[in-house]
């Protein structure tokens, strides 16, 4: 039972955080959607996946009424494509990944430290037990925060915009 608890806690450090948005075209509420998209895209690198499975890296991605404009980093050219030709656009943010990973690592490390103290402390005198229930979770939490933050920077937080085509009108 105690071992399975540790496995569950550490599995949280393997979770990558992603913010997903599904965009259905034809777009009815364009201004609100493009504002959110452009705010997310500002100063971020993007990976654009097209419907024909072609993928490219881009900067300066901007949503317009029915198209996406971007600056292609590979050949330094500007491009504009219709929204219907795009399958998904992914932006990444390593800073947010750092904080999310550190938070998850802190919580899972502290929980593991508390469980470890619970298992190891009954063999010690009562005043040492109280200190162990405080110090061990703090140490494990700090270690978990460092490990989780490192994993978060490497895996990065992802903002995904998935585009789907629909011939049916969108209702409010």
Protein backbone atom coordinates (compact mmCIF):
# COMPACT_ATOMS: atom_id res chain seq x y z
CA UNK A 1 0.00 0.00 0.00
CA UNK A 2 2.73 2.47 0.96
CA UNK A 3 4.79 1.61 -2.13
CA UNK A 4 1.85 2.24 -4.47
CA UNK A 5 1.33 5.65 -2.83
CA UNK A 6 4.95 6.58 -3.64
CA UNK A 7 4.49 5.43 -7.26
CA UNK A 8 1.34 7.55 -7.62
CA UNK A 9 3.03 10.64 -6.16
CA UNK A 10 6.08 10.34 -8.42
CA UNK A 11 3.91 9.79 -11.49
CA UNK A 12 2.76 13.40 -11.15
CA UNK A 13 6.29 14.56 -12.05
CA UNK A 14 5.94 12.85 -15.43
CA UNK A 15 2.84 14.81 -16.40
CA UNK A 16 3.51 17.43 -19.05
CA UNK A 17 1.28 20.47 -18.85
CA UNK A 18 -0.52 21.57 -21.98
CA UNK A 19 -3.16 24.19 -22.69
CA UNK A 20 -5.32 23.00 -25.60
CA UNK A 21 -7.72 25.01 -27.73
CA UNK A 22 -9.86 23.59 -30.52
CA UNK A 23 -10.76 26.04 -33.25
CA UNK A 24 -13.68 25.06 -35.49
CA UNK A 25 -14.00 26.82 -38.82
CA UNK A 26 -15.90 28.60 -40.21
CA UNK A 27 -15.09 30.99 -37.39
CA UNK A 28 -18.06 32.89 -36.05
CA UNK A 29 -16.50 34.63 -33.04
CA UNK A 30 -13.32 35.73 -34.83
CA UNK A 31 -12.24 38.86 -32.92
CA UNK A 32 -12.23 37.16 -29.53
CA UNK A 33 -10.45 34.06 -30.83
CA UNK A 34 -7.79 35.97 -32.73
CA UNK A 35 -7.12 38.24 -29.75
CA UNK A 36 -6.49 35.26 -27.48
CA UNK A 37 -4.38 33.50 -30.12
CA UNK A 38 -2.28 36.60 -30.85
CA UNK A 39 -1.72 37.24 -27.12
CA UNK A 40 -0.48 33.66 -26.71
CA UNK A 41 1.68 33.85 -29.85
CA UNK A 42 3.39 37.12 -28.98
CA UNK A 43 7.17 36.68 -28.78
CA UNK A 44 6.95 32.87 -28.86
CA UNK A 45 8.35 30.31 -31.26
CA UNK A 46 5.78 28.03 -32.88
CA UNK A 47 5.60 24.71 -34.63
CA UNK A 48 2.97 24.62 -37.37
CA UNK A 49 1.59 21.26 -38.50
CA UNK A 50 -0.24 21.39 -41.81
CA UNK A 51 -3.01 19.02 -42.96
CA UNK A 52 -0.59 17.40 -45.44
CA UNK A 53 1.67 16.47 -42.43
CA UNK A 54 4.30 19.08 -43.33
CA UNK A 55 5.75 20.74 -40.24
CA UNK A 56 7.69 23.98 -39.90
CA UNK A 57 9.10 26.18 -37.17
CA UNK A 58 8.02 29.80 -37.16
CA UNK A 59 8.18 33.10 -35.29
CA UNK A 60 5.92 36.16 -35.34
CA UNK A 61 2.76 34.08 -35.82
CA UNK A 62 -0.34 36.23 -36.22
CA UNK A 63 -3.98 35.20 -36.66
CA UNK A 64 -6.09 37.22 -39.06
CA UNK A 65 -9.70 36.81 -40.19
CA UNK A 66 -9.24 33.64 -42.23
CA UNK A 67 -5.47 33.13 -42.33
CA UNK A 68 -2.32 32.78 -40.27
CA UNK A 69 0.80 34.76 -41.11
CA UNK A 70 4.23 33.76 -39.84
CA UNK A 71 7.97 34.17 -40.31
CA UNK A 72 9.60 30.86 -41.22
CA UNK A 73 12.82 30.44 -39.24
CA UNK A 74 14.43 27.86 -41.56
CA UNK A 75 14.60 29.92 -44.75
CA UNK A 76 13.84 33.38 -43.31
CA UNK A 77 10.72 34.00 -45.36
CA UNK A 78 7.31 35.34 -44.44
CA UNK A 79 4.30 33.18 -45.21
CA UNK A 80 0.52 33.42 -45.12
CA UNK A 81 -1.74 30.35 -45.20
CA UNK A 82 -5.48 29.83 -44.97
CA UNK A 83 -6.70 28.48 -41.62
CA UNK A 84 -8.21 25.40 -43.31
CA UNK A 85 -4.74 24.20 -44.38
CA UNK A 86 -3.47 24.10 -40.78
CA UNK A 87 -3.99 21.12 -38.51
CA UNK A 88 -2.27 22.37 -35.34
CA UNK A 89 -0.06 25.19 -34.05
CA UNK A 90 1.98 24.61 -30.90
CA UNK A 91 3.70 27.31 -28.85
CA UNK A 92 6.03 26.49 -25.96
CA UNK A 93 6.91 28.35 -22.77
CA UNK A 94 9.87 26.97 -20.75
CA UNK A 95 9.40 29.49 -17.92
CA UNK A 96 5.86 28.34 -17.21
CA UNK A 97 7.10 24.75 -17.50
CA UNK A 98 9.72 25.53 -14.84
CA UNK A 99 7.12 26.81 -12.36
CA UNK A 100 4.65 24.02 -13.05
CA UNK A 101 7.35 21.35 -12.76
CA UNK A 102 8.78 22.88 -9.59
CA UNK A 103 5.31 23.04 -8.02
CA UNK A 104 4.49 19.44 -8.90
CA UNK A 105 7.95 18.34 -7.73
CA UNK A 106 7.57 20.25 -4.47
CA UNK A 107 4.22 18.67 -3.67
CA UNK A 108 5.20 15.14 -4.68
CA UNK A 109 8.58 15.43 -2.92
CA UNK A 110 7.02 16.74 0.29
CA UNK A 111 4.39 13.98 0.20
CA UNK A 112 7.09 11.37 -0.34
CA UNK A 113 9.14 12.92 2.49
CA UNK A 114 6.14 12.76 4.80
CA UNK A 115 5.56 9.12 3.87
CA UNK A 116 9.26 8.36 4.40
CA UNK A 117 9.17 10.05 7.82
CA UNK A 118 6.04 8.09 8.69
CA UNK A 119 7.82 4.83 7.83
CA UNK A 120 11.19 5.61 9.47
CA UNK A 121 10.38 7.80 12.48
CA UNK A 122 8.48 5.42 14.81
CA UNK A 123 11.81 3.75 15.71
CA UNK A 124 13.18 7.05 17.12
CA UNK A 125 12.41 8.98 20.33
CA UNK A 126 9.28 11.17 20.31
CA UNK A 127 11.10 14.55 20.11
CA UNK A 128 13.15 13.32 17.14
CA UNK A 129 9.95 12.09 15.48
CA UNK A 130 8.41 15.57 15.54
CA UNK A 131 11.54 17.06 14.00
CA UNK A 132 11.61 14.29 11.37
CA UNK A 133 8.01 14.99 10.32
CA UNK A 134 9.04 18.58 9.56
CA UNK A 135 12.59 18.30 8.22
CA UNK A 136 12.27 15.22 5.98
CA UNK A 137 9.32 16.60 3.92
CA UNK A 138 11.12 19.94 3.53
CA UNK A 139 14.28 18.23 2.24
CA UNK A 140 12.35 15.90 -0.08
CA UNK A 141 10.19 18.83 -1.24
CA UNK A 142 13.28 20.88 -2.11
CA UNK A 143 14.83 18.01 -4.04
CA UNK A 144 11.51 17.34 -5.79
CA UNK A 145 11.22 21.01 -6.69
CA UNK A 146 14.66 21.03 -8.31
CA UNK A 147 14.01 17.80 -10.22
CA UNK A 148 10.48 18.87 -11.25
CA UNK A 149 11.65 22.33 -12.32
CA UNK A 150 14.37 20.79 -14.47
CA UNK A 151 11.88 18.42 -16.08
CA UNK A 152 9.48 21.36 -16.60
CA UNK A 153 12.10 23.46 -18.40
CA UNK A 154 13.03 20.53 -20.64
CA UNK A 155 9.46 19.48 -21.46
CA UNK A 156 8.11 23.09 -21.54
CA UNK A 157 4.49 24.13 -21.16
CA UNK A 158 2.71 23.75 -24.48
CA UNK A 159 -0.11 25.87 -25.89
CA UNK A 160 -1.83 23.90 -28.64
CA UNK A 161 -4.33 25.29 -31.11
CA UNK A 162 -5.98 22.50 -33.09
CA UNK A 163 -7.93 23.50 -36.18
CA UNK A 164 -10.91 21.46 -37.35
CA UNK A 165 -13.04 22.13 -40.41
CA UNK A 166 -16.79 22.03 -40.18
CA UNK A 167 -19.37 22.69 -42.85
CA UNK A 168 -22.07 23.12 -40.21
CA UNK A 169 -22.69 26.66 -38.97
CA UNK A 170 -21.58 27.39 -35.42
CA UNK A 171 -24.40 28.35 -33.07
CA UNK A 172 -24.08 30.79 -30.18
